[in-house]
C-alpha cells in the first residue's frame, strides 16, 4: 500500500469547513494505547493545555460556556459544513440542557449550513430533537475513559450501545467516527445502515500507527454493502483513496476560515 495524496490539501480536520465551540472542554479523559505500548492523549486536550492555554485557563476538563460565540455561524453567509465538537462534547453530561438547546436553536436558525455533531455520550442524544441540517455521529470508544482502562469487550459493548442509540435518532445523516481504527469492529457495523463513516489511523504526536489491512478491508466490506459513504483521514495509508460525503452534503462550501 502507498500513501495517497490528500485531496483536502492538508487541512487539520479534512471533512469540515469550520469549527465552532460555544461549548468548550471535555471530561471524558480519552486515552489510546498505541501498538508500541505508549499512550496517546486526546488531541483537543493537548491543544487546550499546550497551545491554547489562554482560552482554557482552568484546564481542558473544565466546562466553558461561551455564549458570545453562539451567533458565529450566522455571520457565514455561504453554505458550509460546521463541526460542533472539535474542542468539546456537546452531549457531555456536564453540559446543561439549556446550553445544548441554545446551540441547536442556532443550528435551526442557520438552516443553510450543515452542522456535524459527534459524541461519546450517545444515550443523551435521545433527549433532544435535532434539526434536519444536523448530522449526528458517535465515536468508537478509546482505550481509556474517565481514568479507567476499557477492555476490548467493553469497547465493543459501548460501540454497540452507541450505534443502537444512534439508530433511534431522527436525522438525515447518522455517522461514525472510526478514529483510530484500532481493532476489527466490522461485526458491530452489520445492519447499521449508516450514511457516513470517517476512518483514520492511530497517532501519538508525530508518530502514526496504521491499522491492520484486514481491519480496513473488513470494515469497508460491511460499509460498502450498506451503501455507507466513507471518508479517509489524511493519516491513513490506503488505496484507492476515498473522500466521500453523504448525499445530503451536495452544497457549495467556502474556503476554510476559523470561526472560533
C-alpha atoms as a PDB file:
ATOM      1  CA  UNK A   1       0.000   0.000   0.000  1.00  0.00           C
ATOM      2  CA  UNK A   2       1.155   3.512  -0.836  1.00  0.00           C
ATOM      3  CA  UNK A   3       0.163   6.657   0.948  1.00  0.00           C
ATOM      4  CA  UNK A   4      -2.211   8.664  -1.233  1.00  0.00           C
ATOM      5  CA  UNK A   5      -2.057  12.390  -1.817  1.00  0.00           C
ATOM      6  CA  UNK A   6      -4.543  14.212   0.362  1.00  0.00           C
ATOM      7  CA  UNK A   7      -7.054  15.983  -1.917  1.00  0.00           C
ATOM      8  CA  UNK A   8      -8.164  18.151   1.017  1.00  0.00           C
ATOM      9  CA  UNK A   9      -4.849  19.938   0.929  1.00  0.00           C
ATOM     10  CA  UNK A  10      -3.672  19.081   4.445  1.00  0.00           C
ATOM     11  CA  UNK A  11      -6.434  20.701   6.489  1.00  0.00           C
ATOM     12  CA  UNK A  12      -6.476  19.897  10.199  1.00  0.00           C
ATOM     13  CA  UNK A  13      -9.957  18.345  10.004  1.00  0.00           C
ATOM     14  CA  UNK A  14     -10.384  17.436   6.382  1.00  0.00           C
ATOM     15  CA  UNK A  15     -14.089  16.654   6.444  1.00  0.00           C
ATOM     16  CA  UNK A  16     -15.343  20.015   7.708  1.00  0.00           C
ATOM     17  CA  UNK A  17     -15.082  23.681   6.709  1.00  0.00           C
ATOM     18  CA  UNK A  18     -15.317  25.417  10.072  1.00  0.00           C
ATOM     19  CA  UNK A  19     -15.161  24.523  13.749  1.00  0.00           C
ATOM     20  CA  UNK A  20     -17.498  26.154  16.267  1.00  0.00           C
ATOM     21  CA  UNK A  21     -17.125  25.726  20.025  1.00  0.00           C
ATOM     22  CA  UNK A  22     -19.603  27.757  22.085  1.00  0.00           C
ATOM     23  CA  UNK A  23     -19.144  24.851  24.500  1.00  0.00           C
ATOM     24  CA  UNK A  24     -15.528  24.065  25.346  1.00  0.00           C
ATOM     25  CA  UNK A  25     -13.718  21.488  27.425  1.00  0.00           C
ATOM     26  CA  UNK A  26     -14.336  17.787  27.966  1.00  0.00           C
ATOM     27  CA  UNK A  27     -14.276  15.475  30.982  1.00  0.00           C
ATOM     28  CA  UNK A  28     -14.029  12.135  29.184  1.00  0.00           C
ATOM     29  CA  UNK A  29     -10.240  11.983  29.587  1.00  0.00           C
ATOM     30  CA  UNK A  30      -9.806   9.849  26.466  1.00  0.00           C
ATOM     31  CA  UNK A  31      -6.568   7.907  26.006  1.00  0.00           C
ATOM     32  CA  UNK A  32      -5.458   5.404  23.386  1.00  0.00           C
ATOM     33  CA  UNK A  33      -2.879   2.666  23.890  1.00  0.00           C
ATOM     34  CA  UNK A  34      -0.582   2.519  20.869  1.00  0.00           C
ATOM     35  CA  UNK A  35       0.814  -0.726  19.406  1.00  0.00           C
ATOM     36  CA  UNK A  36       4.221   0.056  20.957  1.00  0.00           C
ATOM     37  CA  UNK A  37       2.655   0.420  24.415  1.00  0.00           C
ATOM     38  CA  UNK A  38       2.798   4.218  24.508  1.00  0.00           C
ATOM     39  CA  UNK A  39      -0.299   6.229  25.416  1.00  0.00           C
ATOM     40  CA  UNK A  40      -1.822   8.914  23.186  1.00  0.00           C
ATOM     41  CA  UNK A  41      -3.733  11.773  24.796  1.00  0.00           C
ATOM     42  CA  UNK A  42      -6.841  13.354  23.244  1.00  0.00           C
ATOM     43  CA  UNK A  43      -5.649  15.841  20.611  1.00  0.00           C
ATOM     44  CA  UNK A  44      -8.102  18.514  21.826  1.00  0.00           C
ATOM     45  CA  UNK A  45      -6.769  18.199  25.374  1.00  0.00           C
ATOM     46  CA  UNK A  46      -3.223  18.592  24.085  1.00  0.00           C
ATOM     47  CA  UNK A  47      -4.150  21.719  22.130  1.00  0.00           C
ATOM     48  CA  UNK A  48      -6.057  23.234  25.055  1.00  0.00           C
ATOM     49  CA  UNK A  49      -3.332  22.672  27.608  1.00  0.00           C
ATOM     50  CA  UNK A  50      -0.313  23.474  25.428  1.00  0.00           C
ATOM     51  CA  UNK A  51      -1.192  25.754  22.513  1.00  0.00           C
ATOM     52  CA  UNK A  52      -4.429  27.383  23.681  1.00  0.00           C
ATOM     53  CA  UNK A  53      -3.912  27.799  27.410  1.00  0.00           C
ATOM     54  CA  UNK A  54      -5.251  31.351  27.327  1.00  0.00           C
ATOM     55  CA  UNK A  55      -8.617  30.057  26.129  1.00  0.00           C
ATOM     56  CA  UNK A  56      -8.612  27.169  28.637  1.00  0.00           C
ATOM     57  CA  UNK A  57      -7.188  28.742  31.818  1.00  0.00           C
ATOM     58  CA  UNK A  58      -8.762  26.111  34.093  1.00  0.00           C
ATOM     59  CA  UNK A  59      -7.609  23.134  32.018  1.00  0.00           C
ATOM     60  CA  UNK A  60      -9.432  21.099  29.425  1.00  0.00           C
ATOM     61  CA  UNK A  61     -11.571  19.160  31.920  1.00  0.00           C
ATOM     62  CA  UNK A  62     -13.270  22.402  32.965  1.00  0.00           C
ATOM     63  CA  UNK A  63     -16.624  23.289  31.370  1.00  0.00           C
ATOM     64  CA  UNK A  64     -16.547  26.527  29.349  1.00  0.00           C
ATOM     65  CA  UNK A  65     -19.774  28.152  28.170  1.00  0.00           C
ATOM     66  CA  UNK A  66     -19.151  30.889  25.594  1.00  0.00           C
ATOM     67  CA  UNK A  67     -22.460  32.493  24.597  1.00  0.00           C
ATOM     68  CA  UNK A  68     -20.560  35.250  22.791  1.00  0.00           C
ATOM     69  CA  UNK A  69     -19.715  32.668  20.110  1.00  0.00           C
ATOM     70  CA  UNK A  70     -23.273  31.489  19.552  1.00  0.00           C
ATOM     71  CA  UNK A  71     -24.007  33.719  16.557  1.00  0.00           C
ATOM     72  CA  UNK A  72     -20.772  32.961  14.667  1.00  0.00           C
ATOM     73  CA  UNK A  73     -22.472  30.627  12.138  1.00  0.00           C
ATOM     74  CA  UNK A  74     -24.994  33.357  11.314  1.00  0.00           C
ATOM     75  CA  UNK A  75     -22.111  35.529  10.129  1.00  0.00           C
ATOM     76  CA  UNK A  76     -21.069  32.965   7.499  1.00  0.00           C
ATOM     77  CA  UNK A  77     -23.391  33.520   4.560  1.00  0.00           C
ATOM     78  CA  UNK A  78     -22.217  30.814   2.166  1.00  0.00           C
ATOM     79  CA  UNK A  79     -23.429  27.268   2.998  1.00  0.00           C
ATOM     80  CA  UNK A  80     -20.757  25.368   4.923  1.00  0.00           C
ATOM     81  CA  UNK A  81     -20.112  22.250   6.964  1.00  0.00           C
ATOM     82  CA  UNK A  82     -19.559  23.270  10.592  1.00  0.00           C
ATOM     83  CA  UNK A  83     -18.175  20.876  13.211  1.00  0.00           C
ATOM     84  CA  UNK A  84     -19.740  21.362  16.653  1.00  0.00           C
ATOM     85  CA  UNK A  85     -17.344  19.318  18.748  1.00  0.00           C
ATOM     86  CA  UNK A  86     -13.702  19.903  17.873  1.00  0.00           C
ATOM     87  CA  UNK A  87     -12.858  21.072  21.424  1.00  0.00           C
ATOM     88  CA  UNK A  88     -15.798  19.693  23.376  1.00  0.00           C
ATOM     89  CA  UNK A  89     -18.569  17.110  23.525  1.00  0.00           C
ATOM     90  CA  UNK A  90     -21.897  18.914  23.274  1.00  0.00           C
ATOM     91  CA  UNK A  91     -23.677  15.851  24.693  1.00  0.00           C
ATOM     92  CA  UNK A  92     -21.307  15.539  27.658  1.00  0.00           C
ATOM     93  CA  UNK A  93     -23.086  15.005  30.980  1.00  0.00           C
ATOM     94  CA  UNK A  94     -21.567  18.254  32.316  1.00  0.00           C
ATOM     95  CA  UNK A  95     -23.292  20.401  29.630  1.00  0.00           C
ATOM     96  CA  UNK A  96     -26.700  21.739  30.659  1.00  0.00           C
ATOM     97  CA  UNK A  97     -29.843  21.068  28.633  1.00  0.00           C
ATOM     98  CA  UNK A  98     -30.320  24.819  28.285  1.00  0.00           C
ATOM     99  CA  UNK A  99     -26.881  25.288  26.710  1.00  0.00           C
ATOM    100  CA  UNK A 100     -27.463  22.434  24.291  1.00  0.00           C
ATOM    101  CA  UNK A 101     -30.828  23.857  23.241  1.00  0.00           C
ATOM    102  CA  UNK A 102     -29.280  27.273  22.617  1.00  0.00           C
ATOM    103  CA  UNK A 103     -26.708  25.678  20.306  1.00  0.00           C
ATOM    104  CA  UNK A 104     -29.388  23.708  18.467  1.00  0.00           C
ATOM    105  CA  UNK A 105     -31.515  26.855  18.137  1.00  0.00           C
ATOM    106  CA  UNK A 106     -28.655  28.479  16.202  1.00  0.00           C
ATOM    107  CA  UNK A 107     -28.431  25.364  14.023  1.00  0.00           C
ATOM    108  CA  UNK A 108     -32.115  25.777  13.234  1.00  0.00           C
ATOM    109  CA  UNK A 109     -31.745  29.463  12.508  1.00  0.00           C
ATOM    110  CA  UNK A 110     -28.665  28.959  10.313  1.00  0.00           C
ATOM    111  CA  UNK A 111     -30.544  26.453   8.179  1.00  0.00           C
ATOM    112  CA  UNK A 112     -28.322  26.987   5.123  1.00  0.00           C
ATOM    113  CA  UNK A 113     -25.415  25.323   6.936  1.00  0.00           C
ATOM    114  CA  UNK A 114     -24.755  21.661   7.711  1.00  0.00           C
ATOM    115  CA  UNK A 115     -23.702  21.067  11.322  1.00  0.00           C
ATOM    116  CA  UNK A 116     -21.688  17.980  12.244  1.00  0.00           C
ATOM    117  CA  UNK A 117     -22.172  16.720  15.810  1.00  0.00           C
ATOM    118  CA  UNK A 118     -20.013  13.966  17.285  1.00  0.00           C
ATOM    119  CA  UNK A 119     -20.294  12.458  20.765  1.00  0.00           C
ATOM    120  CA  UNK A 120     -19.006   9.707  23.038  1.00  0.00           C
ATOM    121  CA  UNK A 121     -22.126  10.044  25.205  1.00  0.00           C
ATOM    122  CA  UNK A 122     -24.677   8.596  22.800  1.00  0.00           C
ATOM    123  CA  UNK A 123     -27.530   7.895  25.289  1.00  0.00           C
ATOM    124  CA  UNK A 124     -28.069  11.618  25.806  1.00  0.00           C
ATOM    125  CA  UNK A 125     -28.890  12.065  22.118  1.00  0.00           C
ATOM    126  CA  UNK A 126     -32.351  10.676  22.817  1.00  0.00           C
ATOM    127  CA  UNK A 127     -33.178  13.688  24.997  1.00  0.00           C
ATOM    128  CA  UNK A 128     -33.169  16.169  22.112  1.00  0.00           C
ATOM    129  CA  UNK A 129     -34.862  16.856  18.800  1.00  0.00           C
ATOM    130  CA  UNK A 130     -32.332  17.750  16.140  1.00  0.00           C
ATOM    131  CA  UNK A 131     -32.998  19.999  13.156  1.00  0.00           C
ATOM    132  CA  UNK A 132     -32.610  18.330   9.741  1.00  0.00           C
ATOM    133  CA  UNK A 133     -29.376  20.196   8.970  1.00  0.00           C
ATOM    134  CA  UNK A 134     -27.509  18.463  11.821  1.00  0.00           C
ATOM    135  CA  UNK A 135     -25.576  15.278  11.127  1.00  0.00           C
ATOM    136  CA  UNK A 136     -25.358  13.220  14.324  1.00  0.00           C
ATOM    137  CA  UNK A 137     -22.409  10.919  14.881  1.00  0.00           C
ATOM    138  CA  UNK A 138     -20.842   8.721  17.546  1.00  0.00           C
ATOM    139  CA  UNK A 139     -17.209   7.769  18.116  1.00  0.00           C
ATOM    140  CA  UNK A 140     -15.603   4.391  18.565  1.00  0.00           C
ATOM    141  CA  UNK A 141     -14.613   4.202  22.275  1.00  0.00           C
ATOM    142  CA  UNK A 142     -10.952   4.837  23.211  1.00  0.00           C
ATOM    143  CA  UNK A 143      -8.704   2.601  25.293  1.00  0.00           C
ATOM    144  CA  UNK A 144      -9.363   4.616  28.434  1.00  0.00           C
ATOM    145  CA  UNK A 145     -12.101   7.000  29.645  1.00  0.00           C
ATOM    146  CA  UNK A 146     -12.601   8.794  32.960  1.00  0.00           C
ATOM    147  CA  UNK A 147      -9.266   7.376  34.146  1.00  0.00           C
ATOM    148  CA  UNK A 148     -10.339   3.759  33.658  1.00  0.00           C
ATOM    149  CA  UNK A 149      -8.984   1.331  31.086  1.00  0.00           C
ATOM    150  CA  UNK A 150     -11.510  -0.349  28.815  1.00  0.00           C
ATOM    151  CA  UNK A 151     -11.151  -3.958  27.765  1.00  0.00           C
ATOM    152  CA  UNK A 152     -11.795  -4.848  24.150  1.00  0.00           C
ATOM    153  CA  UNK A 153     -15.078  -6.404  25.229  1.00  0.00           C
ATOM    154  CA  UNK A 154     -16.077  -3.181  26.980  1.00  0.00           C
ATOM    155  CA  UNK A 155     -15.152  -1.127  23.921  1.00  0.00           C
ATOM    156  CA  UNK A 156     -17.278  -3.379  21.730  1.00  0.00           C
ATOM    157  CA  UNK A 157     -20.254  -3.204  24.096  1.00  0.00           C
ATOM    158  CA  UNK A 158     -20.015   0.584  24.250  1.00  0.00           C
ATOM    159  CA  UNK A 159     -19.805   0.813  20.461  1.00  0.00           C
ATOM    160  CA  UNK A 160     -22.842  -1.443  20.018  1.00  0.00           C
ATOM    161  CA  UNK A 161     -24.789   0.598  22.568  1.00  0.00           C
ATOM    162  CA  UNK A 162     -23.851   3.850  20.833  1.00  0.00           C
ATOM    163  CA  UNK A 163     -24.928   2.512  17.449  1.00  0.00           C
ATOM    164  CA  UNK A 164     -28.187   1.198  18.908  1.00  0.00           C
ATOM    165  CA  UNK A 165     -28.955   4.675  20.232  1.00  0.00           C
ATOM    166  CA  UNK A 166     -27.879   6.353  17.012  1.00  0.00           C
ATOM    167  CA  UNK A 167     -30.357   4.257  15.037  1.00  0.00           C
ATOM    168  CA  UNK A 168     -33.158   5.908  17.038  1.00  0.00           C
ATOM    169  CA  UNK A 169     -32.084   9.494  16.306  1.00  0.00           C
ATOM    170  CA  UNK A 170     -34.241  11.191  13.685  1.00  0.00           C
ATOM    171  CA  UNK A 171     -31.730  12.925  11.402  1.00  0.00           C
ATOM    172  CA  UNK A 172     -30.910  12.592   7.675  1.00  0.00           C
ATOM    173  CA  UNK A 173     -27.277  11.623   8.311  1.00  0.00           C
ATOM    174  CA  UNK A 174     -26.084   9.270  11.043  1.00  0.00           C
ATOM    175  CA  UNK A 175     -22.355   8.749  11.069  1.00  0.00           C
ATOM    176  CA  UNK A 176     -19.496   7.016  12.841  1.00  0.00           C
ATOM    177  CA  UNK A 177     -16.026   8.308  13.611  1.00  0.00           C
ATOM    178  CA  UNK A 178     -13.562   5.412  13.471  1.00  0.00           C
ATOM    179  CA  UNK A 179     -10.554   7.431  14.557  1.00  0.00           C
ATOM    180  CA  UNK A 180      -8.490   5.482  15.087  1.00  0.00           C
ATOM    181  CA  UNK A 181      -9.351   2.096  13.638  1.00  0.00           C
ATOM    182  CA  UNK A 182      -7.579   0.135  16.381  1.00  0.00           C
ATOM    183  CA  UNK A 183      -9.353  -3.240  16.272  1.00  0.00           C
ATOM    184  CA  UNK A 184     -11.577  -5.241  13.941  1.00  0.00           C
ATOM    185  CA  UNK A 185     -15.019  -3.777  14.576  1.00  0.00           C
ATOM    186  CA  UNK A 186     -16.708  -4.870  11.337  1.00  0.00           C
ATOM    187  CA  UNK A 187     -19.143  -7.176  13.154  1.00  0.00           C
ATOM    188  CA  UNK A 188     -20.551  -4.225  15.103  1.00  0.00           C
ATOM    189  CA  UNK A 189     -21.333  -2.383  11.862  1.00  0.00           C
ATOM    190  CA  UNK A 190     -23.543  -5.024  10.286  1.00  0.00           C
ATOM    191  CA  UNK A 191     -27.135  -3.938   9.610  1.00  0.00           C
ATOM    192  CA  UNK A 192     -26.479  -0.411  10.912  1.00  0.00           C
ATOM    193  CA  UNK A 193     -27.155   1.391   7.612  1.00  0.00           C
ATOM    194  CA  UNK A 194     -25.042   4.394   8.479  1.00  0.00           C
ATOM    195  CA  UNK A 195     -24.958   7.235   5.984  1.00  0.00           C
ATOM    196  CA  UNK A 196     -21.305   8.108   6.609  1.00  0.00           C
ATOM    197  CA  UNK A 197     -18.120   6.901   8.308  1.00  0.00           C
ATOM    198  CA  UNK A 198     -14.730   8.550   8.836  1.00  0.00           C
ATOM    199  CA  UNK A 199     -11.740   6.206   9.144  1.00  0.00           C
ATOM    200  CA  UNK A 200      -8.288   7.152  10.419  1.00  0.00           C
ATOM    201  CA  UNK A 201      -5.042   5.703  11.716  1.00  0.00           C
ATOM    202  CA  UNK A 202      -3.784   5.951  15.294  1.00  0.00           C
ATOM    203  CA  UNK A 203      -1.415   8.800  16.100  1.00  0.00           C
ATOM    204  CA  UNK A 204       0.737   9.785  19.063  1.00  0.00           C
ATOM    205  CA  UNK A 205       2.333  13.134  18.416  1.00  0.00           C
ATOM    206  CA  UNK A 206       4.058  12.935  15.054  1.00  0.00           C
ATOM    207  CA  UNK A 207       4.119   9.131  15.037  1.00  0.00           C
ATOM    208  CA  UNK A 208       1.405   7.288  13.105  1.00  0.00           C
ATOM    209  CA  UNK A 209       0.359   3.655  13.551  1.00  0.00           C
ATOM    210  CA  UNK A 210      -1.503   2.123  10.626  1.00  0.00           C
ATOM    211  CA  UNK A 211      -4.373  -0.306  11.292  1.00  0.00           C
ATOM    212  CA  UNK A 212      -4.047  -3.878  10.096  1.00  0.00           C
ATOM    213  CA  UNK A 213      -5.029  -4.206   6.450  1.00  0.00           C
ATOM    214  CA  UNK A 214      -7.613  -6.884   7.286  1.00  0.00           C
ATOM    215  CA  UNK A 215      -9.354  -4.497   9.706  1.00  0.00           C
ATOM    216  CA  UNK A 216      -9.708  -1.885   6.973  1.00  0.00           C
ATOM    217  CA  UNK A 217     -10.879  -4.426   4.397  1.00  0.00           C
ATOM    218  CA  UNK A 218     -13.443  -5.919   6.751  1.00  0.00           C
ATOM    219  CA  UNK A 219     -14.891  -2.534   7.714  1.00  0.00           C
ATOM    220  CA  UNK A 220     -15.017  -1.344   4.110  1.00  0.00           C
ATOM    221  CA  UNK A 221     -16.735  -4.549   3.006  1.00  0.00           C
ATOM    222  CA  UNK A 222     -19.552  -4.068   5.532  1.00  0.00           C
ATOM    223  CA  UNK A 223     -19.915  -0.340   4.893  1.00  0.00           C
ATOM    224  CA  UNK A 224     -19.940  -0.780   1.114  1.00  0.00           C
ATOM    225  CA  UNK A 225     -22.599  -3.478   1.339  1.00  0.00           C
ATOM    226  CA  UNK A 226     -24.807  -0.973   3.160  1.00  0.00           C
ATOM    227  CA  UNK A 227     -24.088   1.944   0.855  1.00  0.00           C
ATOM    228  CA  UNK A 228     -22.280   3.936   3.551  1.00  0.00           C
ATOM    229  CA  UNK A 229     -20.108   6.779   2.259  1.00  0.00           C
ATOM    230  CA  UNK A 230     -16.511   6.593   3.526  1.00  0.00           C
ATOM    231  CA  UNK A 231     -14.040   9.387   4.218  1.00  0.00           C
ATOM    232  CA  UNK A 232     -10.358   8.608   4.885  1.00  0.00           C
ATOM    233  CA  UNK A 233      -8.420  10.835   7.262  1.00  0.00           C
ATOM    234  CA  UNK A 234      -5.153  12.067   5.816  1.00  0.00           C
ATOM    235  CA  UNK A 235      -3.113   9.892   8.203  1.00  0.00           C
ATOM    236  CA  UNK A 236      -4.471   6.630   6.753  1.00  0.00           C
ATOM    237  CA  UNK A 237      -2.383   4.763   4.196  1.00  0.00           C
ATOM    238  CA  UNK A 238      -4.728   3.051   1.772  1.00  0.00           C
ATOM    239  CA  UNK A 239      -5.669   2.806  -1.889  1.00  0.00           C
ATOM    240  CA  UNK A 240      -7.847   3.575  -3.665  1.00  0.00           C
ATOM    241  CA  UNK A 241      -8.245   6.834  -1.750  1.00  0.00           C
ATOM    242  CA  UNK A 242     -11.743   7.864  -0.655  1.00  0.00           C
ATOM    243  CA  UNK A 243     -13.111  11.223   0.496  1.00  0.00           C
ATOM    244  CA  UNK A 244     -16.840  10.619   0.139  1.00  0.00           C
ATOM    245  CA  UNK A 245     -19.585  12.683   1.737  1.00  0.00           C
ATOM    246  CA  UNK A 246     -23.246  11.785   2.232  1.00  0.00           C
ATOM    247  CA  UNK A 247     -25.714  12.682  -0.496  1.00  0.00           C
ATOM    248  CA  UNK A 248     -27.122  15.349   1.819  1.00  0.00           C
ATOM    249  CA  UNK A 249     -23.805  17.185   1.524  1.00  0.00           C
ATOM    250  CA  UNK A 250     -24.460  18.428  -2.007  1.00  0.00           C
ATOM    251  CA  UNK A 251     -23.872  22.063  -1.086  1.00  0.00           C
ATOM    252  CA  UNK A 252     -21.285  24.572  -2.141  1.00  0.00           C
ATOM    253  CA  UNK A 253     -18.835  25.292   0.673  1.00  0.00           C
ATOM    254  CA  UNK A 254     -16.318  28.129   1.138  1.00  0.00           C
ATOM    255  CA  UNK A 255     -12.619  28.027   1.811  1.00  0.00           C
ATOM    256  CA  UNK A 256     -11.591  27.160   5.358  1.00  0.00           C
ATOM    257  CA  UNK A 257     -11.709  30.068   7.804  1.00  0.00           C
ATOM    258  CA  UNK A 258     -11.617  29.516  11.553  1.00  0.00           C
ATOM    259  CA  UNK A 259     -14.948  30.539  13.020  1.00  0.00           C
ATOM    260  CA  UNK A 260     -13.880  30.286  16.633  1.00  0.00           C
END
